[in-house]
Amino acid sequence: PFHVGDYTSHTAHLDPIEDLAYRRALDAYY
């Protein structure tokens, strides 16, 4: 499950590469 609101509220401060790293890290973890 991906909760867009939760994700956005916790990651709005990330730059684009950090955001990409986090999304890929989540995918790899799962």
Full PDB file with SEQRES, HELIX, SHEET, SSBOND, CRYST1, ORIGX, SCALE, CONECT and MASTER records, all heavy atoms in Angstrom:
SEQRES   1 A   30  PRO PHE HIS VAL GLY ASP TYR THR SER HIS THR ALA HIS          
SEQRES   2 A   30  LEU ASP PRO ILE GLU ASP LEU ALA TYR ARG ARG ALA LEU          
SEQRES   3 A   30  ASP ALA TYR TYR                                              
HELIX    1 AA1 VAL A    4  THR A   11  1                                   8    
HELIX    2 AA2 PRO A   16  TYR A   29  1                                  14    
CRYST1    1.000    1.000    1.000  90.00  90.00  90.00 P 1           1          
ORIGX1      1.000000  0.000000  0.000000        0.00000                         
ORIGX2      0.000000  1.000000  0.000000        0.00000                         
ORIGX3      0.000000  0.000000  1.000000        0.00000                         
SCALE1      1.000000  0.000000  0.000000        0.00000                         
SCALE2      0.000000  1.000000  0.000000        0.00000                         
SCALE3      0.000000  0.000000  1.000000        0.00000                         
ATOM      1  N   PRO A   1       0.838  -1.191   0.000  1.00  0.00           N  
ATOM      2  CA  PRO A   1       0.000   0.000   0.000  1.00  0.00           C  
ATOM      3  C   PRO A   1       0.879   1.250   0.000  1.00  0.00           C  
ATOM      4  O   PRO A   1       1.885   1.311   0.691  1.00  0.00           O  
ATOM      5  CB  PRO A   1      -0.807  -0.114   1.297  1.00  0.00           C  
ATOM      6  CG  PRO A   1      -0.107  -1.105   2.128  1.00  0.00           C  
ATOM      7  CD  PRO A   1       0.723  -1.963   1.226  1.00  0.00           C  
ATOM      8  N   PHE A   2       0.510   2.200  -0.820  1.00  0.00           N  
ATOM      9  CA  PHE A   2       1.250   3.452  -0.906  1.00  0.00           C  
ATOM     10  C   PHE A   2       0.290   4.587  -0.608  1.00  0.00           C  
ATOM     11  O   PHE A   2      -0.661   4.817  -1.357  1.00  0.00           O  
ATOM     12  CB  PHE A   2       1.863   3.611  -2.299  1.00  0.00           C  
ATOM     13  CG  PHE A   2       2.704   4.846  -2.423  1.00  0.00           C  
ATOM     14  CD1 PHE A   2       3.975   4.889  -1.871  1.00  0.00           C  
ATOM     15  CD2 PHE A   2       2.222   5.964  -3.084  1.00  0.00           C  
ATOM     16  CE1 PHE A   2       4.754   6.033  -1.977  1.00  0.00           C  
ATOM     17  CE2 PHE A   2       2.996   7.110  -3.191  1.00  0.00           C  
ATOM     18  CZ  PHE A   2       4.261   7.139  -2.642  1.00  0.00           C  
ATOM     19  N   HIS A   3       0.519   5.265   0.480  1.00  0.00           N  
ATOM     20  CA  HIS A   3      -0.350   6.351   0.916  1.00  0.00           C  
ATOM     21  C   HIS A   3       0.282   7.671   0.499  1.00  0.00           C  
ATOM     22  O   HIS A   3       1.215   8.156   1.139  1.00  0.00           O  
ATOM     23  CB  HIS A   3      -0.567   6.286   2.428  1.00  0.00           C  
ATOM     24  CG  HIS A   3      -1.114   4.971   2.873  1.00  0.00           C  
ATOM     25  ND1 HIS A   3      -2.456   4.665   2.769  1.00  0.00           N  
ATOM     26  CD2 HIS A   3      -0.511   3.866   3.377  1.00  0.00           C  
ATOM     27  CE1 HIS A   3      -2.644   3.425   3.209  1.00  0.00           C  
ATOM     28  NE2 HIS A   3      -1.487   2.924   3.579  1.00  0.00           N  
ATOM     29  N   VAL A   4      -0.229   8.234  -0.585  1.00  0.00           N  
ATOM     30  CA  VAL A   4       0.362   9.420  -1.195  1.00  0.00           C  
ATOM     31  C   VAL A   4       0.447  10.575  -0.192  1.00  0.00           C  
ATOM     32  O   VAL A   4       1.466  11.261  -0.109  1.00  0.00           O  
ATOM     33  CB  VAL A   4      -0.414   9.842  -2.462  1.00  0.00           C  
ATOM     34  CG1 VAL A   4       0.144  11.115  -3.048  1.00  0.00           C  
ATOM     35  CG2 VAL A   4      -0.387   8.722  -3.479  1.00  0.00           C  
ATOM     36  N   GLY A   5      -0.605  10.783   0.564  1.00  0.00           N  
ATOM     37  CA  GLY A   5      -0.607  11.884   1.535  1.00  0.00           C  
ATOM     38  C   GLY A   5       0.465  11.717   2.591  1.00  0.00           C  
ATOM     39  O   GLY A   5       1.191  12.672   2.917  1.00  0.00           O  
ATOM     40  N   ASP A   6       0.582  10.516   3.140  1.00  0.00           N  
ATOM     41  CA  ASP A   6       1.625  10.251   4.134  1.00  0.00           C  
ATOM     42  C   ASP A   6       3.006  10.450   3.532  1.00  0.00           C  
ATOM     43  O   ASP A   6       3.875  11.090   4.128  1.00  0.00           O  
ATOM     44  CB  ASP A   6       1.527   8.817   4.667  1.00  0.00           C  
ATOM     45  CG  ASP A   6       0.324   8.589   5.554  1.00  0.00           C  
ATOM     46  OD1 ASP A   6      -0.322   9.576   5.967  1.00  0.00           O  
ATOM     47  OD2 ASP A   6       0.035   7.411   5.831  1.00  0.00           O  
ATOM     48  N   TYR A   7       3.195   9.886   2.342  1.00  0.00           N  
ATOM     49  CA  TYR A   7       4.507   9.984   1.701  1.00  0.00           C  
ATOM     50  C   TYR A   7       4.874  11.449   1.464  1.00  0.00           C  
ATOM     51  O   TYR A   7       5.960  11.899   1.821  1.00  0.00           O  
ATOM     52  CB  TYR A   7       4.512   9.214   0.374  1.00  0.00           C  
ATOM     53  CG  TYR A   7       5.858   9.247  -0.301  1.00  0.00           C  
ATOM     54  CD1 TYR A   7       6.839   8.319   0.025  1.00  0.00           C  
ATOM     55  CD2 TYR A   7       6.166  10.221  -1.240  1.00  0.00           C  
ATOM     56  CE1 TYR A   7       8.085   8.354  -0.575  1.00  0.00           C  
ATOM     57  CE2 TYR A   7       7.407  10.261  -1.845  1.00  0.00           C  
ATOM     58  CZ  TYR A   7       8.365   9.330  -1.505  1.00  0.00           C  
ATOM     59  OH  TYR A   7       9.594   9.374  -2.090  1.00  0.00           O  
ATOM     60  N   THR A   8       3.960  12.203   0.886  1.00  0.00           N  
ATOM     61  CA  THR A   8       4.236  13.597   0.559  1.00  0.00           C  
ATOM     62  C   THR A   8       4.508  14.424   1.807  1.00  0.00           C  
ATOM     63  O   THR A   8       5.433  15.238   1.822  1.00  0.00           O  
ATOM     64  CB  THR A   8       3.067  14.198  -0.243  1.00  0.00           C  
ATOM     65  OG1 THR A   8       2.895  13.428  -1.434  1.00  0.00           O  
ATOM     66  CG2 THR A   8       3.336  15.644  -0.627  1.00  0.00           C  
ATOM     67  N   SER A   9       3.732  14.199   2.852  1.00  0.00           N  
ATOM     68  CA  SER A   9       3.937  14.994   4.063  1.00  0.00           C  
ATOM     69  C   SER A   9       5.271  14.690   4.744  1.00  0.00           C  
ATOM     70  O   SER A   9       5.825  15.552   5.413  1.00  0.00           O  
ATOM     71  CB  SER A   9       2.777  14.781   5.046  1.00  0.00           C  
ATOM     72  OG  SER A   9       2.794  13.472   5.577  1.00  0.00           O  
ATOM     73  N   HIS A  10       5.795  13.491   4.549  1.00  0.00           N  
ATOM     74  CA  HIS A  10       7.069  13.124   5.172  1.00  0.00           C  
ATOM     75  C   HIS A  10       8.279  13.376   4.282  1.00  0.00           C  
ATOM     76  O   HIS A  10       9.417  13.303   4.752  1.00  0.00           O  
ATOM     77  CB  HIS A  10       7.045  11.649   5.574  1.00  0.00           C  
ATOM     78  CG  HIS A  10       6.122  11.374   6.706  1.00  0.00           C  
ATOM     79  ND1 HIS A  10       4.886  10.806   6.522  1.00  0.00           N  
ATOM     80  CD2 HIS A  10       6.236  11.601   8.031  1.00  0.00           C  
ATOM     81  CE1 HIS A  10       4.277  10.694   7.690  1.00  0.00           C  
ATOM     82  NE2 HIS A  10       5.072  11.175   8.624  1.00  0.00           N  
ATOM     83  N   THR A  11       8.052  13.660   3.001  1.00  0.00           N  
ATOM     84  CA  THR A  11       9.181  13.771   2.074  1.00  0.00           C  
ATOM     85  C   THR A  11       9.229  15.090   1.304  1.00  0.00           C  
ATOM     86  O   THR A  11      10.082  15.242   0.428  1.00  0.00           O  
ATOM     87  CB  THR A  11       9.154  12.616   1.054  1.00  0.00           C  
ATOM     88  OG1 THR A  11       7.944  12.711   0.287  1.00  0.00           O  
ATOM     89  CG2 THR A  11       9.243  11.264   1.735  1.00  0.00           C  
ATOM     90  N   ALA A  12       8.378  16.027   1.625  1.00  0.00           N  
ATOM     91  CA  ALA A  12       8.320  17.283   0.867  1.00  0.00           C  
ATOM     92  C   ALA A  12       9.649  18.039   0.885  1.00  0.00           C  
ATOM     93  O   ALA A  12       9.932  18.819  -0.024  1.00  0.00           O  
ATOM     94  CB  ALA A  12       7.199  18.171   1.400  1.00  0.00           C  
ATOM     95  N   HIS A  13      10.469  17.800   1.873  1.00  0.00           N  
ATOM     96  CA  HIS A  13      11.749  18.504   2.008  1.00  0.00           C  
ATOM     97  C   HIS A  13      12.873  17.875   1.177  1.00  0.00           C  
ATOM     98  O   HIS A  13      13.950  18.451   1.055  1.00  0.00           O  
ATOM     99  CB  HIS A  13      12.175  18.522   3.470  1.00  0.00           C  
ATOM    100  CG  HIS A  13      12.439  17.158   4.024  1.00  0.00           C  
ATOM    101  ND1 HIS A  13      11.411  16.276   4.314  1.00  0.00           N  
ATOM    102  CD2 HIS A  13      13.600  16.515   4.308  1.00  0.00           C  
ATOM    103  CE1 HIS A  13      11.938  15.140   4.776  1.00  0.00           C  
ATOM    104  NE2 HIS A  13      13.265  15.263   4.776  1.00  0.00           N  
ATOM    105  N   LEU A  14      12.642  16.697   0.608  1.00  0.00           N  
ATOM    106  CA  LEU A  14      13.689  16.006  -0.146  1.00  0.00           C  
ATOM    107  C   LEU A  14      13.897  16.633  -1.516  1.00  0.00           C  
ATOM    108  O   LEU A  14      12.941  17.073  -2.153  1.00  0.00           O  
ATOM    109  CB  LEU A  14      13.324  14.530  -0.323  1.00  0.00           C  
ATOM    110  CG  LEU A  14      13.160  13.692   0.941  1.00  0.00           C  
ATOM    111  CD1 LEU A  14      12.771  12.271   0.575  1.00  0.00           C  
ATOM    112  CD2 LEU A  14      14.414  13.719   1.791  1.00  0.00           C  
ATOM    113  N   ASP A  15      15.155  16.625  -1.969  1.00  0.00           N  
ATOM    114  CA  ASP A  15      15.390  17.060  -3.346  1.00  0.00           C  
ATOM    115  C   ASP A  15      15.050  15.875  -4.262  1.00  0.00           C  
ATOM    116  O   ASP A  15      14.818  14.761  -3.786  1.00  0.00           O  
ATOM    117  CB  ASP A  15      16.800  17.607  -3.546  1.00  0.00           C  
ATOM    118  CG  ASP A  15      17.902  16.567  -3.508  1.00  0.00           C  
ATOM    119  OD1 ASP A  15      17.624  15.358  -3.696  1.00  0.00           O  
ATOM    120  OD2 ASP A  15      19.068  16.951  -3.312  1.00  0.00           O  
ATOM    121  N   PRO A  16      14.979  16.080  -5.557  1.00  0.00           N  
ATOM    122  CA  PRO A  16      14.532  15.005  -6.457  1.00  0.00           C  
ATOM    123  C   PRO A  16      15.358  13.714  -6.362  1.00  0.00           C  
ATOM    124  O   PRO A  16      14.777  12.620  -6.403  1.00  0.00           O  
ATOM    125  CB  PRO A  16      14.631  15.636  -7.849  1.00  0.00           C  
ATOM    126  CG  PRO A  16      14.416  17.090  -7.605  1.00  0.00           C  
ATOM    127  CD  PRO A  16      15.100  17.366  -6.292  1.00  0.00           C  
ATOM    128  N   ILE A  17      16.662  13.803  -6.230  1.00  0.00           N  
ATOM    129  CA  ILE A  17      17.477  12.584  -6.144  1.00  0.00           C  
ATOM    130  C   ILE A  17      17.220  11.861  -4.830  1.00  0.00           C  
ATOM    131  O   ILE A  17      17.145  10.625  -4.786  1.00  0.00           O  
ATOM    132  CB  ILE A  17      18.979  12.907  -6.322  1.00  0.00           C  
ATOM    133  CG1 ILE A  17      19.251  13.417  -7.727  1.00  0.00           C  
ATOM    134  CG2 ILE A  17      19.845  11.690  -6.005  1.00  0.00           C  
ATOM    135  CD1 ILE A  17      18.967  12.406  -8.840  1.00  0.00           C  
ATOM    136  N   GLU A  18      17.063  12.596  -3.743  1.00  0.00           N  
ATOM    137  CA  GLU A  18      16.744  11.964  -2.457  1.00  0.00           C  
ATOM    138  C   GLU A  18      15.379  11.284  -2.518  1.00  0.00           C  
ATOM    139  O   GLU A  18      15.203  10.185  -1.996  1.00  0.00           O  
ATOM    140  CB  GLU A  18      16.770  12.991  -1.334  1.00  0.00           C  
ATOM    141  CG  GLU A  18      18.149  13.509  -1.016  1.00  0.00           C  
ATOM    142  CD  GLU A  18      18.125  14.696  -0.081  1.00  0.00           C  
ATOM    143  OE1 GLU A  18      17.139  15.473  -0.104  1.00  0.00           O  
ATOM    144  OE2 GLU A  18      19.101  14.856   0.662  1.00  0.00           O  
ATOM    145  N   ASP A  19      14.420  11.940  -3.167  1.00  0.00           N  
ATOM    146  CA  ASP A  19      13.095  11.350  -3.325  1.00  0.00           C  
ATOM    147  C   ASP A  19      13.186  10.057  -4.130  1.00  0.00           C  
ATOM    148  O   ASP A  19      12.604   9.034  -3.748  1.00  0.00           O  
ATOM    149  CB  ASP A  19      12.161  12.347  -4.009  1.00  0.00           C  
ATOM    150  CG  ASP A  19      10.753  11.821  -4.135  1.00  0.00           C  
ATOM    151  OD1 ASP A  19      10.135  11.490  -3.104  1.00  0.00           O  
ATOM    152  OD2 ASP A  19      10.262  11.732  -5.278  1.00  0.00           O  
ATOM    153  N   LEU A  20      13.938  10.075  -5.214  1.00  0.00           N  
ATOM    154  CA  LEU A  20      14.132   8.881  -6.024  1.00  0.00           C  
ATOM    155  C   LEU A  20      14.804   7.779  -5.207  1.00  0.00           C  
ATOM    156  O   LEU A  20      14.390   6.614  -5.258  1.00  0.00           O  
ATOM    157  CB  LEU A  20      14.978   9.216  -7.254  1.00  0.00           C  
ATOM    158  CG  LEU A  20      15.333   8.049  -8.176  1.00  0.00           C  
ATOM    159  CD1 LEU A  20      14.077   7.431  -8.776  1.00  0.00           C  
ATOM    160  CD2 LEU A  20      16.278   8.528  -9.264  1.00  0.00           C  
ATOM    161  N   ALA A  21      15.811   8.140  -4.436  1.00  0.00           N  
ATOM    162  CA  ALA A  21      16.513   7.157  -3.606  1.00  0.00           C  
ATOM    163  C   ALA A  21      15.550   6.524  -2.602  1.00  0.00           C  
ATOM    164  O   ALA A  21      15.573   5.307  -2.396  1.00  0.00           O  
ATOM    165  CB  ALA A  21      17.691   7.810  -2.887  1.00  0.00           C  
ATOM    166  N   TYR A  22      14.707   7.334  -2.000  1.00  0.00           N  
ATOM    167  CA  TYR A  22      13.773   6.804  -0.997  1.00  0.00           C  
ATOM    168  C   TYR A  22      12.755   5.868  -1.644  1.00  0.00           C  
ATOM    169  O   TYR A  22      12.492   4.776  -1.139  1.00  0.00           O  
ATOM    170  CB  TYR A  22      13.079   7.952  -0.269  1.00  0.00           C  
ATOM    171  CG  TYR A  22      12.212   7.501   0.876  1.00  0.00           C  
ATOM    172  CD1 TYR A  22      12.599   6.476   1.739  1.00  0.00           C  
ATOM    173  CD2 TYR A  22      10.989   8.104   1.116  1.00  0.00           C  
ATOM    174  CE1 TYR A  22      11.797   6.069   2.797  1.00  0.00           C  
ATOM    175  CE2 TYR A  22      10.183   7.717   2.169  1.00  0.00           C  
ATOM    176  CZ  TYR A  22      10.587   6.698   2.995  1.00  0.00           C  
ATOM    177  OH  TYR A  22       9.783   6.295   4.037  1.00  0.00           O  
ATOM    178  N   ARG A  23      12.183   6.275  -2.785  1.00  0.00           N  
ATOM    179  CA  ARG A  23      11.206   5.409  -3.458  1.00  0.00           C  
ATOM    180  C   ARG A  23      11.840   4.095  -3.885  1.00  0.00           C  
ATOM    181  O   ARG A  23      11.266   3.022  -3.717  1.00  0.00           O  
ATOM    182  CB  ARG A  23      10.596   6.104  -4.687  1.00  0.00           C  
ATOM    183  CG  ARG A  23       9.600   7.199  -4.363  1.00  0.00           C  
ATOM    184  CD  ARG A  23       8.395   6.685  -3.567  1.00  0.00           C  
ATOM    185  NE  ARG A  23       7.733   5.560  -4.171  1.00  0.00           N  
ATOM    186  CZ  ARG A  23       6.738   5.608  -5.043  1.00  0.00           C  
ATOM    187  NH1 ARG A  23       6.259   6.765  -5.419  1.00  0.00           N  
ATOM    188  NH2 ARG A  23       6.203   4.514  -5.526  1.00  0.00           N  
ATOM    189  N   ARG A  24      13.044   4.160  -4.432  1.00  0.00           N  
ATOM    190  CA  ARG A  24      13.720   2.933  -4.840  1.00  0.00           C  
ATOM    191  C   ARG A  24      14.097   2.090  -3.627  1.00  0.00           C  
ATOM    192  O   ARG A  24      14.048   0.858  -3.691  1.00  0.00           O  
ATOM    193  CB  ARG A  24      14.950   3.246  -5.677  1.00  0.00           C  
ATOM    194  CG  ARG A  24      14.604   3.716  -7.068  1.00  0.00           C  
ATOM    195  CD  ARG A  24      15.832   3.896  -7.913  1.00  0.00           C  
ATOM    196  NE  ARG A  24      15.490   4.344  -9.248  1.00  0.00           N  
ATOM    197  CZ  ARG A  24      16.376   4.619 -10.182  1.00  0.00           C  
ATOM    198  NH1 ARG A  24      17.674   4.480  -9.935  1.00  0.00           N  
ATOM    199  NH2 ARG A  24      15.981   5.028 -11.375  1.00  0.00           N  
ATOM    200  N   ALA A  25      14.449   2.735  -2.531  1.00  0.00           N  
ATOM    201  CA  ALA A  25      14.778   1.993  -1.308  1.00  0.00           C  
ATOM    202  C   ALA A  25      13.545   1.257  -0.793  1.00  0.00           C  
ATOM    203  O   ALA A  25      13.636   0.093  -0.381  1.00  0.00           O  
ATOM    204  CB  ALA A  25      15.340   2.933  -0.243  1.00  0.00           C  
ATOM    205  N   LEU A  26      12.401   1.917  -0.822  1.00  0.00           N  
ATOM    206  CA  LEU A  26      11.162   1.253  -0.401  1.00  0.00           C  
ATOM    207  C   LEU A  26      10.871   0.050  -1.296  1.00  0.00           C  
ATOM    208  O   LEU A  26      10.556  -1.041  -0.814  1.00  0.00           O  
ATOM    209  CB  LEU A  26       9.983   2.232  -0.437  1.00  0.00           C  
ATOM    210  CG  LEU A  26       9.979   3.346   0.593  1.00  0.00           C  
ATOM    211  CD1 LEU A  26       8.818   4.299   0.331  1.00  0.00           C  
ATOM    212  CD2 LEU A  26       9.926   2.797   2.011  1.00  0.00           C  
ATOM    213  N   ASP A  27      10.979   0.256  -2.604  1.00  0.00           N  
ATOM    214  CA  ASP A  27      10.725  -0.845  -3.537  1.00  0.00           C  
ATOM    215  C   ASP A  27      11.675  -2.009  -3.278  1.00  0.00           C  
ATOM    216  O   ASP A  27      11.252  -3.168  -3.240  1.00  0.00           O  
ATOM    217  CB  ASP A  27      10.862  -0.376  -4.985  1.00  0.00           C  
ATOM    218  CG  ASP A  27       9.741   0.546  -5.429  1.00  0.00           C  
ATOM    219  OD1 ASP A  27       8.720   0.658  -4.712  1.00  0.00           O  
ATOM    220  OD2 ASP A  27       9.891   1.161  -6.505  1.00  0.00           O  
ATOM    221  N   ALA A  28      12.952  -1.718  -3.093  1.00  0.00           N  
ATOM    222  CA  ALA A  28      13.942  -2.771  -2.848  1.00  0.00           C  
ATOM    223  C   ALA A  28      13.639  -3.494  -1.541  1.00  0.00           C  
ATOM    224  O   ALA A  28      13.746  -4.720  -1.458  1.00  0.00           O  
ATOM    225  CB  ALA A  28      15.348  -2.183  -2.814  1.00  0.00           C  
ATOM    226  N   TYR A  29      13.255  -2.752  -0.525  1.00  0.00           N  
ATOM    227  CA  TYR A  29      12.938  -3.341   0.775  1.00  0.00           C  
ATOM    228  C   TYR A  29      11.778  -4.331   0.639  1.00  0.00           C  
ATOM    229  O   TYR A  29      11.841  -5.450   1.136  1.00  0.00           O  
ATOM    230  CB  TYR A  29      12.567  -2.232   1.756  1.00  0.00           C  
ATOM    231  CG  TYR A  29      12.710  -2.606   3.209  1.00  0.00           C  
ATOM    232  CD1 TYR A  29      13.805  -2.181   3.938  1.00  0.00           C  
ATOM    233  CD2 TYR A  29      11.740  -3.356   3.868  1.00  0.00           C  
ATOM    234  CE1 TYR A  29      13.939  -2.498   5.284  1.00  0.00           C  
ATOM    235  CE2 TYR A  29      11.869  -3.686   5.192  1.00  0.00           C  
ATOM    236  CZ  TYR A  29      12.966  -3.253   5.907  1.00  0.00           C  
ATOM    237  OH  TYR A  29      13.096  -3.570   7.244  1.00  0.00           O  
ATOM    238  N   TYR A  30      10.732  -3.889  -0.042  1.00  0.00           N  
ATOM    239  CA  TYR A  30       9.575  -4.771  -0.207  1.00  0.00           C  
ATOM    240  C   TYR A  30       9.890  -5.974  -1.088  1.00  0.00           C  
ATOM    241  O   TYR A  30       9.416  -7.081  -0.821  1.00  0.00           O  
ATOM    242  CB  TYR A  30       8.378  -3.997  -0.754  1.00  0.00           C  
ATOM    243  CG  TYR A  30       7.715  -3.131   0.293  1.00  0.00           C  
ATOM    244  CD1 TYR A  30       7.665  -1.750   0.147  1.00  0.00           C  
ATOM    245  CD2 TYR A  30       7.140  -3.687   1.429  1.00  0.00           C  
ATOM    246  CE1 TYR A  30       7.056  -0.953   1.107  1.00  0.00           C  
ATOM    247  CE2 TYR A  30       6.532  -2.900   2.397  1.00  0.00           C  
ATOM    248  CZ  TYR A  30       6.497  -1.531   2.227  1.00  0.00           C  
ATOM    249  OH  TYR A  30       5.891  -0.753   3.181  1.00  0.00           O  
TER     250      TYR A  30                                                      
MASTER        0    0    0    2    0    0    0    6  249    1    0    3          
END                                                                             
